[in-house]
Amino acid sequence: MSYIDGFVIAAPTASRQEVIDYAARFDPMFLELGALRVVECWGVDVPHGTVTDFHRAVQAKDDETVMFSWIEWPDKATRDAGMQKMMEDPRMEAANPMPFDGKRMIFGSFENVLDLRA
């Protein structure tokens, strides 16, 4: 089964297109390095919870929108090699500053254990 890197960020709502352009510039590098798919999602219906929620997880402010993103890799070995090459790629020098606060990004890597499709 595939291997997934997941991300949640708080992006400035007024900078939506800038954030999309940033992703469109750098996300293709993941595909070059072996990723199968990269998905960026702009929050539309992200409710506030009573105990915890996506907003709290990334300390989203009133003028920010929560984004949920993931990268699908064929396996962990491809992911590990791809991420190492990405961090060493000189094109990444242009990745800063990011159009969002990277310190509030939450992320993790997951082994796919069930994959249902229509």
PDB file of N, CA and C in Angstrom:
ATOM      1  N   MET A   1       0.835  -1.189   0.000  1.00  0.00           N
ATOM      2  CA  MET A   1       0.000   0.000   0.000  1.00  0.00           C
ATOM      3  C   MET A   1       0.878   1.250   0.000  1.00  0.00           C
ATOM      4  N   SER A   2       0.284   2.354  -0.381  1.00  0.00           N
ATOM      5  CA  SER A   2       1.014   3.609  -0.479  1.00  0.00           C
ATOM      6  C   SER A   2       1.360   4.177   0.899  1.00  0.00           C
ATOM      7  N   TYR A   3       2.150   5.221   0.884  1.00  0.00           N
ATOM      8  CA  TYR A   3       2.612   5.907   2.075  1.00  0.00           C
ATOM      9  C   TYR A   3       2.211   7.366   1.923  1.00  0.00           C
ATOM     10  N   ILE A   4       1.689   7.972   2.984  1.00  0.00           N
ATOM     11  CA  ILE A   4       1.104   9.315   2.892  1.00  0.00           C
ATOM     12  C   ILE A   4       1.803  10.285   3.840  1.00  0.00           C
ATOM     13  N   ASP A   5       2.143  11.467   3.330  1.00  0.00           N
ATOM     14  CA  ASP A   5       2.546  12.598   4.163  1.00  0.00           C
ATOM     15  C   ASP A   5       1.347  13.530   4.217  1.00  0.00           C
ATOM     16  N   GLY A   6       0.888  13.876   5.420  1.00  0.00           N
ATOM     17  CA  GLY A   6      -0.254  14.767   5.583  1.00  0.00           C
ATOM     18  C   GLY A   6       0.149  16.061   6.256  1.00  0.00           C
ATOM     19  N   PHE A   7      -0.536  17.145   5.885  1.00  0.00           N
ATOM     20  CA  PHE A   7      -0.213  18.475   6.382  1.00  0.00           C
ATOM     21  C   PHE A   7      -1.492  19.259   6.655  1.00  0.00           C
ATOM     22  N   VAL A   8      -1.492  20.047   7.718  1.00  0.00           N
ATOM     23  CA  VAL A   8      -2.558  21.002   7.986  1.00  0.00           C
ATOM     24  C   VAL A   8      -1.872  22.329   8.287  1.00  0.00           C
ATOM     25  N   ILE A   9      -2.315  23.386   7.607  1.00  0.00           N
ATOM     26  CA  ILE A   9      -1.734  24.717   7.825  1.00  0.00           C
ATOM     27  C   ILE A   9      -2.853  25.748   7.954  1.00  0.00           C
ATOM     28  N   ALA A  10      -2.494  26.890   8.507  1.00  0.00           N
ATOM     29  CA  ALA A  10      -3.368  28.065   8.533  1.00  0.00           C
ATOM     30  C   ALA A  10      -2.804  29.029   7.497  1.00  0.00           C
ATOM     31  N   ALA A  11      -3.579  29.291   6.460  1.00  0.00           N
ATOM     32  CA  ALA A  11      -3.128  30.168   5.377  1.00  0.00           C
ATOM     33  C   ALA A  11      -3.894  31.486   5.429  1.00  0.00           C
ATOM     34  N   PRO A  12      -3.223  32.598   5.167  1.00  0.00           N
ATOM     35  CA  PRO A  12      -3.928  33.882   5.148  1.00  0.00           C
ATOM     36  C   PRO A  12      -5.030  33.862   4.079  1.00  0.00           C
ATOM     37  N   THR A  13      -6.251  34.093   4.491  1.00  0.00           N
ATOM     38  CA  THR A  13      -7.387  34.048   3.572  1.00  0.00           C
ATOM     39  C   THR A  13      -7.206  35.012   2.412  1.00  0.00           C
ATOM     40  N   ALA A  14      -6.703  36.201   2.691  1.00  0.00           N
ATOM     41  CA  ALA A  14      -6.512  37.212   1.647  1.00  0.00           C
ATOM     42  C   ALA A  14      -5.425  36.818   0.652  1.00  0.00           C
ATOM     43  N   SER A  15      -4.591  35.852   1.018  1.00  0.00           N
ATOM     44  CA  SER A  15      -3.484  35.433   0.147  1.00  0.00           C
ATOM     45  C   SER A  15      -3.745  34.086  -0.508  1.00  0.00           C
ATOM     46  N   ARG A  16      -5.015  33.731  -0.656  1.00  0.00           N
ATOM     47  CA  ARG A  16      -5.370  32.419  -1.208  1.00  0.00           C
ATOM     48  C   ARG A  16      -4.612  32.123  -2.512  1.00  0.00           C
ATOM     49  N   GLN A  17      -4.666  33.036  -3.477  1.00  0.00           N
ATOM     50  CA  GLN A  17      -4.025  32.768  -4.765  1.00  0.00           C
ATOM     51  C   GLN A  17      -2.509  32.664  -4.626  1.00  0.00           C
ATOM     52  N   GLU A  18      -1.922  33.462  -3.766  1.00  0.00           N
ATOM     53  CA  GLU A  18      -0.479  33.385  -3.531  1.00  0.00           C
ATOM     54  C   GLU A  18      -0.103  32.007  -2.967  1.00  0.00           C
ATOM     55  N   VAL A  19      -0.913  31.490  -2.054  1.00  0.00           N
ATOM     56  CA  VAL A  19      -0.654  30.167  -1.475  1.00  0.00           C
ATOM     57  C   VAL A  19      -0.798  29.090  -2.551  1.00  0.00           C
ATOM     58  N   ILE A  20      -1.819  29.196  -3.387  1.00  0.00           N
ATOM     59  CA  ILE A  20      -2.021  28.237  -4.481  1.00  0.00           C
ATOM     60  C   ILE A  20      -0.855  28.306  -5.465  1.00  0.00           C
ATOM     61  N   ASP A  21      -0.428  29.517  -5.806  1.00  0.00           N
ATOM     62  CA  ASP A  21       0.707  29.680  -6.725  1.00  0.00           C
ATOM     63  C   ASP A  21       1.983  29.084  -6.137  1.00  0.00           C
ATOM     64  N   TYR A  22       2.181  29.272  -4.845  1.00  0.00           N
ATOM     65  CA  TYR A  22       3.344  28.704  -4.159  1.00  0.00           C
ATOM     66  C   TYR A  22       3.318  27.181  -4.278  1.00  0.00           C
ATOM     67  N   ALA A  23       2.176  26.588  -3.994  1.00  0.00           N
ATOM     68  CA  ALA A  23       2.041  25.128  -4.096  1.00  0.00           C
ATOM     69  C   ALA A  23       2.263  24.668  -5.537  1.00  0.00           C
ATOM     70  N   ALA A  24       1.703  25.391  -6.490  1.00  0.00           N
ATOM     71  CA  ALA A  24       1.854  25.017  -7.902  1.00  0.00           C
ATOM     72  C   ALA A  24       3.316  25.101  -8.349  1.00  0.00           C
ATOM     73  N   ARG A  25       4.081  25.929  -7.689  1.00  0.00           N
ATOM     74  CA  ARG A  25       5.503  26.076  -8.035  1.00  0.00           C
ATOM     75  C   ARG A  25       6.356  24.943  -7.454  1.00  0.00           C
ATOM     76  N   PHE A  26       6.066  24.547  -6.210  1.00  0.00           N
ATOM     77  CA  PHE A  26       6.932  23.583  -5.536  1.00  0.00           C
ATOM     78  C   PHE A  26       6.382  22.157  -5.515  1.00  0.00           C
ATOM     79  N   ASP A  27       5.084  21.957  -5.546  1.00  0.00           N
ATOM     80  CA  ASP A  27       4.520  20.601  -5.485  1.00  0.00           C
ATOM     81  C   ASP A  27       4.964  19.698  -6.636  1.00  0.00           C
ATOM     82  N   PRO A  28       5.150  20.208  -7.857  1.00  0.00           N
ATOM     83  CA  PRO A  28       5.613  19.311  -8.927  1.00  0.00           C
ATOM     84  C   PRO A  28       6.955  18.637  -8.625  1.00  0.00           C
ATOM     85  N   MET A  29       7.746  19.247  -7.747  1.00  0.00           N
ATOM     86  CA  MET A  29       9.019  18.633  -7.384  1.00  0.00           C
ATOM     87  C   MET A  29       8.794  17.283  -6.705  1.00  0.00           C
ATOM     88  N   PHE A  30       7.726  17.171  -5.908  1.00  0.00           N
ATOM     89  CA  PHE A  30       7.424  15.890  -5.262  1.00  0.00           C
ATOM     90  C   PHE A  30       7.159  14.819  -6.311  1.00  0.00           C
ATOM     91  N   LEU A  31       6.445  15.196  -7.369  1.00  0.00           N
ATOM     92  CA  LEU A  31       6.164  14.236  -8.440  1.00  0.00           C
ATOM     93  C   LEU A  31       7.450  13.826  -9.155  1.00  0.00           C
ATOM     94  N   GLU A  32       8.327  14.791  -9.389  1.00  0.00           N
ATOM     95  CA  GLU A  32       9.627  14.486 -10.006  1.00  0.00           C
ATOM     96  C   GLU A  32      10.421  13.475  -9.179  1.00  0.00           C
ATOM     97  N   LEU A  33      10.233  13.514  -7.873  1.00  0.00           N
ATOM     98  CA  LEU A  33      11.020  12.695  -6.959  1.00  0.00           C
ATOM     99  C   LEU A  33      10.306  11.415  -6.527  1.00  0.00           C
ATOM    100  N   GLY A  34       9.221  11.072  -7.231  1.00  0.00           N
ATOM    101  CA  GLY A  34       8.595   9.778  -6.995  1.00  0.00           C
ATOM    102  C   GLY A  34       7.214   9.765  -6.404  1.00  0.00           C
ATOM    103  N   ALA A  35       6.695  10.916  -5.981  1.00  0.00           N
ATOM    104  CA  ALA A  35       5.333  10.936  -5.441  1.00  0.00           C
ATOM    105  C   ALA A  35       4.335  10.579  -6.542  1.00  0.00           C
ATOM    106  N   LEU A  36       3.263   9.935  -6.153  1.00  0.00           N
ATOM    107  CA  LEU A  36       2.214   9.568  -7.093  1.00  0.00           C
ATOM    108  C   LEU A  36       1.176  10.667  -7.254  1.00  0.00           C
ATOM    109  N   ARG A  37       0.984  11.442  -6.188  1.00  0.00           N
ATOM    110  CA  ARG A  37      -0.102  12.424  -6.170  1.00  0.00           C
ATOM    111  C   ARG A  37       0.187  13.454  -5.092  1.00  0.00           C
ATOM    112  N   VAL A  38      -0.157  14.704  -5.381  1.00  0.00           N
ATOM    113  CA  VAL A  38      -0.079  15.785  -4.399  1.00  0.00           C
ATOM    114  C   VAL A  38      -1.427  16.501  -4.424  1.00  0.00           C
ATOM    115  N   VAL A  39      -2.036  16.663  -3.252  1.00  0.00           N
ATOM    116  CA  VAL A  39      -3.359  17.277  -3.168  1.00  0.00           C
ATOM    117  C   VAL A  39      -3.310  18.432  -2.174  1.00  0.00           C
ATOM    118  N   GLU A  40      -3.812  19.588  -2.587  1.00  0.00           N
ATOM    119  CA  GLU A  40      -3.912  20.771  -1.734  1.00  0.00           C
ATOM    120  C   GLU A  40      -5.392  21.131  -1.621  1.00  0.00           C
ATOM    121  N   CYS A  41      -5.906  21.252  -0.413  1.00  0.00           N
ATOM    122  CA  CYS A  41      -7.332  21.533  -0.200  1.00  0.00           C
ATOM    123  C   CYS A  41      -7.512  22.791   0.642  1.00  0.00           C
ATOM    124  N   TRP A  42      -8.367  23.695   0.151  1.00  0.00           N
ATOM    125  CA  TRP A  42      -8.686  24.944   0.846  1.00  0.00           C
ATOM    126  C   TRP A  42      -9.937  24.722   1.674  1.00  0.00           C
ATOM    127  N   GLY A  43      -9.876  25.006   2.957  1.00  0.00           N
ATOM    128  CA  GLY A  43     -11.001  24.758   3.858  1.00  0.00           C
ATOM    129  C   GLY A  43     -12.243  25.543   3.474  1.00  0.00           C
ATOM    130  N   VAL A  44     -13.369  24.847   3.411  1.00  0.00           N
ATOM    131  CA  VAL A  44     -14.654  25.469   3.100  1.00  0.00           C
ATOM    132  C   VAL A  44     -15.631  25.271   4.252  1.00  0.00           C
ATOM    133  N   ASP A  45     -15.732  24.056   4.734  1.00  0.00           N
ATOM    134  CA  ASP A  45     -16.639  23.726   5.833  1.00  0.00           C
ATOM    135  C   ASP A  45     -15.816  23.039   6.914  1.00  0.00           C
ATOM    136  N   VAL A  46     -15.114  23.842   7.701  1.00  0.00           N
ATOM    137  CA  VAL A  46     -14.218  23.330   8.737  1.00  0.00           C
ATOM    138  C   VAL A  46     -14.753  23.839  10.080  1.00  0.00           C
ATOM    139  N   PRO A  47     -15.582  23.042  10.722  1.00  0.00           N
ATOM    140  CA  PRO A  47     -16.250  23.513  11.941  1.00  0.00           C
ATOM    141  C   PRO A  47     -15.300  23.643  13.134  1.00  0.00           C
ATOM    142  N   HIS A  48     -15.682  24.531  14.019  1.00  0.00           N
ATOM    143  CA  HIS A  48     -14.978  24.669  15.295  1.00  0.00           C
ATOM    144  C   HIS A  48     -15.563  23.630  16.245  1.00  0.00           C
ATOM    145  N   GLY A  49     -14.694  22.878  16.904  1.00  0.00           N
ATOM    146  CA  GLY A  49     -15.138  21.861  17.842  1.00  0.00           C
ATOM    147  C   GLY A  49     -15.236  22.395  19.255  1.00  0.00           C
ATOM    148  N   THR A  50     -15.723  21.556  20.155  1.00  0.00           N
ATOM    149  CA  THR A  50     -15.824  21.972  21.553  1.00  0.00           C
ATOM    150  C   THR A  50     -14.582  21.600  22.349  1.00  0.00           C
ATOM    151  N   VAL A  51     -13.845  20.589  21.896  1.00  0.00           N
ATOM    152  CA  VAL A  51     -12.634  20.166  22.588  1.00  0.00           C
ATOM    153  C   VAL A  51     -11.393  20.471  21.747  1.00  0.00           C
ATOM    154  N   THR A  52     -11.435  20.078  20.487  1.00  0.00           N
ATOM    155  CA  THR A  52     -10.321  20.358  19.584  1.00  0.00           C
ATOM    156  C   THR A  52     -10.839  20.402  18.158  1.00  0.00           C
ATOM    157  N   ASP A  53     -10.054  20.912  17.249  1.00  0.00           N
ATOM    158  CA  ASP A  53     -10.443  20.993  15.849  1.00  0.00           C
ATOM    159  C   ASP A  53      -9.224  21.399  15.023  1.00  0.00           C
ATOM    160  N   PHE A  54      -9.411  21.465  13.702  1.00  0.00           N
ATOM    161  CA  PHE A  54      -8.308  21.859  12.827  1.00  0.00           C
ATOM    162  C   PHE A  54      -7.829  23.278  13.131  1.00  0.00           C
ATOM    163  N   HIS A  55      -8.758  24.185  13.430  1.00  0.00           N
ATOM    164  CA  HIS A  55      -8.382  25.577  13.714  1.00  0.00           C
ATOM    165  C   HIS A  55      -7.431  25.655  14.904  1.00  0.00           C
ATOM    166  N   ARG A  56      -7.788  24.957  15.972  1.00  0.00           N
ATOM    167  CA  ARG A  56      -6.942  24.965  17.169  1.00  0.00           C
ATOM    168  C   ARG A  56      -5.604  24.285  16.901  1.00  0.00           C
ATOM    169  N   ALA A  57      -5.630  23.233  16.117  1.00  0.00           N
ATOM    170  CA  ALA A  57      -4.400  22.473  15.855  1.00  0.00           C
ATOM    171  C   ALA A  57      -3.317  23.354  15.251  1.00  0.00           C
ATOM    172  N   VAL A  58      -3.713  24.306  14.410  1.00  0.00           N
ATOM    173  CA  VAL A  58      -2.727  25.173  13.752  1.00  0.00           C
ATOM    174  C   VAL A  58      -2.812  26.619  14.234  1.00  0.00           C
ATOM    175  N   GLN A  59      -3.562  26.837  15.312  1.00  0.00           N
ATOM    176  CA  GLN A  59      -3.745  28.169  15.888  1.00  0.00           C
ATOM    177  C   GLN A  59      -4.179  29.182  14.827  1.00  0.00           C
ATOM    178  N   ALA A  60      -5.161  28.767  14.010  1.00  0.00           N
ATOM    179  CA  ALA A  60      -5.656  29.645  12.945  1.00  0.00           C
ATOM    180  C   ALA A  60      -6.281  30.905  13.532  1.00  0.00           C
ATOM    181  N   LYS A  61      -5.971  32.024  12.902  1.00  0.00           N
ATOM    182  CA  LYS A  61      -6.529  33.312  13.305  1.00  0.00           C
ATOM    183  C   LYS A  61      -7.799  33.573  12.496  1.00  0.00           C
ATOM    184  N   ASP A  62      -8.543  34.590  12.879  1.00  0.00           N
ATOM    185  CA  ASP A  62      -9.809  34.904  12.199  1.00  0.00           C
ATOM    186  C   ASP A  62      -9.624  35.208  10.722  1.00  0.00           C
ATOM    187  N   ASP A  63      -8.455  35.719  10.353  1.00  0.00           N
ATOM    188  CA  ASP A  63      -8.213  36.076   8.950  1.00  0.00           C
ATOM    189  C   ASP A  63      -7.455  34.974   8.195  1.00  0.00           C
ATOM    190  N   GLU A  64      -7.504  33.742   8.714  1.00  0.00           N
ATOM    191  CA  GLU A  64      -6.824  32.616   8.081  1.00  0.00           C
ATOM    192  C   GLU A  64      -7.814  31.490   7.770  1.00  0.00           C
ATOM    193  N   THR A  65      -7.474  30.707   6.775  1.00  0.00           N
ATOM    194  CA  THR A  65      -8.256  29.546   6.370  1.00  0.00           C
ATOM    195  C   THR A  65      -7.400  28.307   6.572  1.00  0.00           C
ATOM    196  N   VAL A  66      -8.025  27.250   7.061  1.00  0.00           N
ATOM    197  CA  VAL A  66      -7.306  25.992   7.267  1.00  0.00           C
ATOM    198  C   VAL A  66      -7.175  25.261   5.937  1.00  0.00           C
ATOM    199  N   MET A  67      -5.971  24.783   5.664  1.00  0.00           N
ATOM    200  CA  MET A  67      -5.721  23.954   4.477  1.00  0.00           C
ATOM    201  C   MET A  67      -5.320  22.558   4.929  1.00  0.00           C
ATOM    202  N   PHE A  68      -5.756  21.570   4.166  1.00  0.00           N
ATOM    203  CA  PHE A  68      -5.411  20.176   4.410  1.00  0.00           C
ATOM    204  C   PHE A  68      -4.786  19.652   3.133  1.00  0.00           C
ATOM    205  N   SER A  69      -3.609  19.062   3.239  1.00  0.00           N
ATOM    206  CA  SER A  69      -2.874  18.619   2.061  1.00  0.00           C
ATOM    207  C   SER A  69      -2.258  17.258   2.322  1.00  0.00           C
ATOM    208  N   TRP A  70      -2.031  16.534   1.229  1.00  0.00           N
ATOM    209  CA  TRP A  70      -1.307  15.278   1.378  1.00  0.00           C
ATOM    210  C   TRP A  70      -0.535  14.941   0.126  1.00  0.00           C
ATOM    211  N   ILE A  71       0.503  14.140   0.351  1.00  0.00           N
ATOM    212  CA  ILE A  71       1.340  13.632  -0.735  1.00  0.00           C
ATOM    213  C   ILE A  71       1.261  12.113  -0.654  1.00  0.00           C
ATOM    214  N   GLU A  72       0.928  11.494  -1.760  1.00  0.00           N
ATOM    215  CA  GLU A  72       0.870  10.033  -1.809  1.00  0.00           C
ATOM    216  C   GLU A  72       2.129   9.511  -2.491  1.00  0.00           C
ATOM    217  N   TRP A  73       2.811   8.597  -1.828  1.00  0.00           N
ATOM    218  CA  TRP A  73       4.029   7.966  -2.319  1.00  0.00           C
ATOM    219  C   TRP A  73       3.749   6.477  -2.538  1.00  0.00           C
ATOM    220  N   PRO A  74       4.488   5.829  -3.412  1.00  0.00           N
ATOM    221  CA  PRO A  74       4.251   4.395  -3.605  1.00  0.00           C
ATOM    222  C   PRO A  74       4.626   3.568  -2.381  1.00  0.00           C
ATOM    223  N   ASP A  75       5.611   4.051  -1.596  1.00  0.00           N
ATOM    224  CA  ASP A  75       6.057   3.329  -0.406  1.00  0.00           C
ATOM    225  C   ASP A  75       6.945   4.258   0.417  1.00  0.00           C
ATOM    226  N   LYS A  76       7.281   3.836   1.628  1.00  0.00           N
ATOM    227  CA  LYS A  76       8.078   4.659   2.530  1.00  0.00           C
ATOM    228  C   LYS A  76       9.495   4.883   2.000  1.00  0.00           C
ATOM    229  N   ALA A  77      10.084   3.874   1.387  1.00  0.00           N
ATOM    230  CA  ALA A  77      11.450   4.021   0.867  1.00  0.00           C
ATOM    231  C   ALA A  77      11.519   5.114  -0.196  1.00  0.00           C
ATOM    232  N   THR A  78      10.538   5.139  -1.097  1.00  0.00           N
ATOM    233  CA  THR A  78      10.494   6.185  -2.126  1.00  0.00           C
ATOM    234  C   THR A  78      10.296   7.543  -1.477  1.00  0.00           C
ATOM    235  N   ARG A  79       9.438   7.594  -0.466  1.00  0.00           N
ATOM    236  CA  ARG A  79       9.191   8.847   0.244  1.00  0.00           C
ATOM    237  C   ARG A  79      10.460   9.342   0.920  1.00  0.00           C
ATOM    238  N   ASP A  80      11.137   8.470   1.644  1.00  0.00           N
ATOM    239  CA  ASP A  80      12.345   8.879   2.357  1.00  0.00           C
ATOM    240  C   ASP A  80      13.408   9.403   1.389  1.00  0.00           C
ATOM    241  N   ALA A  81      13.613   8.691   0.291  1.00  0.00           N
ATOM    242  CA  ALA A  81      14.604   9.122  -0.704  1.00  0.00           C
ATOM    243  C   ALA A  81      14.168  10.428  -1.364  1.00  0.00           C
ATOM    244  N   GLY A  82      12.895  10.540  -1.700  1.00  0.00           N
ATOM    245  CA  GLY A  82      12.382  11.746  -2.345  1.00  0.00           C
ATOM    246  C   GLY A  82      12.476  12.964  -1.455  1.00  0.00           C
ATOM    247  N   MET A  83      12.123  12.815  -0.194  1.00  0.00           N
ATOM    248  CA  MET A  83      12.190  13.955   0.729  1.00  0.00           C
ATOM    249  C   MET A  83      13.634  14.398   0.966  1.00  0.00           C
ATOM    250  N   GLN A  84      14.551  13.452   1.041  1.00  0.00           N
ATOM    251  CA  GLN A  84      15.953  13.820   1.209  1.00  0.00           C
ATOM    252  C   GLN A  84      16.441  14.603  -0.009  1.00  0.00           C
ATOM    253  N   LYS A  85      16.109  14.123  -1.212  1.00  0.00           N
ATOM    254  CA  LYS A  85      16.517  14.831  -2.430  1.00  0.00           C
ATOM    255  C   LYS A  85      15.868  16.208  -2.493  1.00  0.00           C
ATOM    256  N   MET A  86      14.623  16.312  -2.043  1.00  0.00           N
ATOM    257  CA  MET A  86      13.914  17.593  -2.057  1.00  0.00           C
ATOM    258  C   MET A  86      14.638  18.611  -1.170  1.00  0.00           C
ATOM    259  N   MET A  87      15.034  18.184   0.014  1.00  0.00           N
ATOM    260  CA  MET A  87      15.708  19.093   0.936  1.00  0.00           C
ATOM    261  C   MET A  87      17.090  19.509   0.425  1.00  0.00           C
ATOM    262  N   GLU A  88      17.691  18.688  -0.412  1.00  0.00           N
ATOM    263  CA  GLU A  88      19.013  18.998  -0.970  1.00  0.00           C
ATOM    264  C   GLU A  88      18.930  19.752  -2.297  1.00  0.00           C
ATOM    265  N   ASP A  89      17.736  19.859  -2.852  1.00  0.00           N
ATOM    266  CA  ASP A  89      17.555  20.482  -4.164  1.00  0.00           C
ATOM    267  C   ASP A  89      17.753  21.993  -4.060  1.00  0.00           C
ATOM    268  N   PRO A  90      18.628  22.572  -4.876  1.00  0.00           N
ATOM    269  CA  PRO A  90      18.870  24.021  -4.807  1.00  0.00           C
ATOM    270  C   PRO A  90      17.627  24.866  -5.089  1.00  0.00           C
ATOM    271  N   ARG A  91      16.647  24.315  -5.784  1.00  0.00           N
ATOM    272  CA  ARG A  91      15.410  25.072  -6.035  1.00  0.00           C
ATOM    273  C   ARG A  91      14.665  25.390  -4.744  1.00  0.00           C
ATOM    274  N   MET A  92      14.915  24.612  -3.704  1.00  0.00           N
ATOM    275  CA  MET A  92      14.229  24.827  -2.433  1.00  0.00           C
ATOM    276  C   MET A  92      14.682  26.103  -1.727  1.00  0.00           C
ATOM    277  N   GLU A  93      15.822  26.647  -2.132  1.00  0.00           N
ATOM    278  CA  GLU A  93      16.276  27.911  -1.537  1.00  0.00           C
ATOM    279  C   GLU A  93      15.258  29.015  -1.777  1.00  0.00           C
ATOM    280  N   ALA A  94      14.524  28.920  -2.878  1.00  0.00           N
ATOM    281  CA  ALA A  94      13.520  29.932  -3.198  1.00  0.00           C
ATOM    282  C   ALA A  94      12.204  29.696  -2.464  1.00  0.00           C
ATOM    283  N   ALA A  95      12.121  28.626  -1.659  1.00  0.00           N
ATOM    284  CA  ALA A  95      10.874  28.282  -0.974  1.00  0.00           C
ATOM    285  C   ALA A  95      10.580  29.187   0.213  1.00  0.00           C
ATOM    286  N   ASN A  96      11.550  29.985   0.631  1.00  0.00           N
ATOM    287  CA  ASN A  96      11.330  30.883   1.758  1.00  0.00           C
ATOM    288  C   ASN A  96      11.413  32.321   1.296  1.00  0.00           C
ATOM    289  N   PRO A  97      10.577  33.177   1.804  1.00  0.00           N
ATOM    290  CA  PRO A  97       9.603  32.886   2.847  1.00  0.00           C
ATOM    291  C   PRO A  97       8.366  32.187   2.285  1.00  0.00           C
ATOM    292  N   MET A  98       7.751  31.385   3.120  1.00  0.00           N
ATOM    293  CA  MET A  98       6.507  30.718   2.737  1.00  0.00           C
ATOM    294  C   MET A  98       5.356  31.711   2.920  1.00  0.00           C
ATOM    295  N   PRO A  99       4.279  31.566   2.155  1.00  0.00           N
ATOM    296  CA  PRO A  99       3.153  32.497   2.288  1.00  0.00           C
ATOM    297  C   PRO A  99       2.214  32.126   3.448  1.00  0.00           C
ATOM    298  N   PHE A 100       2.709  31.384   4.412  1.00  0.00           N
ATOM    299  CA  PHE A 100       1.974  31.001   5.618  1.00  0.00           C
ATOM    300  C   PHE A 100       3.009  30.758   6.710  1.00  0.00           C
ATOM    301  N   ASP A 101       2.554  30.644   7.943  1.00  0.00           N
ATOM    302  CA  ASP A 101       3.453  30.453   9.076  1.00  0.00           C
ATOM    303  C   ASP A 101       3.772  28.962   9.219  1.00  0.00           C
ATOM    304  N   GLY A 102       4.937  28.564   8.727  1.00  0.00           N
ATOM    305  CA  GLY A 102       5.345  27.169   8.764  1.00  0.00           C
ATOM    306  C   GLY A 102       5.520  26.613  10.169  1.00  0.00           C
ATOM    307  N   LYS A 103       5.704  27.467  11.164  1.00  0.00           N
ATOM    308  CA  LYS A 103       5.857  27.011  12.542  1.00  0.00           C
ATOM    309  C   LYS A 103       4.555  26.428  13.088  1.00  0.00           C
ATOM    310  N   ARG A 104       3.422  26.836  12.491  1.00  0.00           N
ATOM    311  CA  ARG A 104       2.132  26.333  12.960  1.00  0.00           C
ATOM    312  C   ARG A 104       1.606  25.176  12.108  1.00  0.00           C
ATOM    313  N   MET A 105       2.394  24.744  11.135  1.00  0.00           N
ATOM    314  CA  MET A 105       1.999  23.604  10.310  1.00  0.00           C
ATOM    315  C   MET A 105       2.100  22.335  11.156  1.00  0.00           C
ATOM    316  N   ILE A 106       1.099  21.460  11.026  1.00  0.00           N
ATOM    317  CA  ILE A 106       1.239  20.139  11.624  1.00  0.00           C
ATOM    318  C   ILE A 106       1.370  19.146  10.480  1.00  0.00           C
ATOM    319  N   PHE A 107       2.167  18.118  10.696  1.00  0.00           N
ATOM    320  CA  PHE A 107       2.406  17.164   9.617  1.00  0.00           C
ATOM    321  C   PHE A 107       2.765  15.819  10.209  1.00  0.00           C
ATOM    322  N   GLY A 108       2.634  14.821   9.411  1.00  0.00           N
ATOM    323  CA  GLY A 108       3.001  13.476   9.820  1.00  0.00           C
ATOM    324  C   GLY A 108       2.983  12.559   8.621  1.00  0.00           C
ATOM    325  N   SER A 109       3.556  11.389   8.801  1.00  0.00           N
ATOM    326  CA  SER A 109       3.617  10.394   7.736  1.00  0.00           C
ATOM    327  C   SER A 109       2.843   9.164   8.183  1.00  0.00           C
ATOM    328  N   PHE A 110       2.130   8.571   7.233  1.00  0.00           N
ATOM    329  CA  PHE A 110       1.194   7.504   7.566  1.00  0.00           C
ATOM    330  C   PHE A 110       1.293   6.345   6.596  1.00  0.00           C
ATOM    331  N   GLU A 111       1.221   5.164   7.146  1.00  0.00           N
ATOM    332  CA  GLU A 111       1.136   3.960   6.328  1.00  0.00           C
ATOM    333  C   GLU A 111      -0.331   3.726   5.981  1.00  0.00           C
ATOM    334  N   ASN A 112      -0.603   3.565   4.721  1.00  0.00           N
ATOM    335  CA  ASN A 112      -1.978   3.335   4.275  1.00  0.00           C
ATOM    336  C   ASN A 112      -2.394   1.910   4.660  1.00  0.00           C
ATOM    337  N   VAL A 113      -3.496   1.768   5.394  1.00  0.00           N
ATOM    338  CA  VAL A 113      -3.947   0.444   5.818  1.00  0.00           C
ATOM    339  C   VAL A 113      -5.287   0.037   5.194  1.00  0.00           C
ATOM    340  N   LEU A 114      -5.977   0.994   4.570  1.00  0.00           N
ATOM    341  CA  LEU A 114      -7.233   0.701   3.899  1.00  0.00           C
ATOM    342  C   LEU A 114      -7.445   1.748   2.821  1.00  0.00           C
ATOM    343  N   ASP A 115      -7.788   1.333   1.623  1.00  0.00           N
ATOM    344  CA  ASP A 115      -7.954   2.256   0.499  1.00  0.00           C
ATOM    345  C   ASP A 115      -9.167   1.818  -0.297  1.00  0.00           C
ATOM    346  N   LEU A 116     -10.308   2.456  -0.090  1.00  0.00           N
ATOM    347  CA  LEU A 116     -11.536   2.135  -0.816  1.00  0.00           C
ATOM    348  C   LEU A 116     -11.782   3.181  -1.887  1.00  0.00           C
ATOM    349  N   ARG A 117     -12.154   2.753  -3.052  1.00  0.00           N
ATOM    350  CA  ARG A 117     -12.425   3.663  -4.166  1.00  0.00           C
ATOM    351  C   ARG A 117     -13.686   3.227  -4.890  1.00  0.00           C
ATOM    352  N   ALA A 118     -14.353   4.184  -5.467  1.00  0.00           N
ATOM    353  CA  ALA A 118     -15.573   3.878  -6.225  1.00  0.00           C
ATOM    354  C   ALA A 118     -15.216   3.232  -7.558  1.00  0.00           C
TER     355      ALA A 118
END
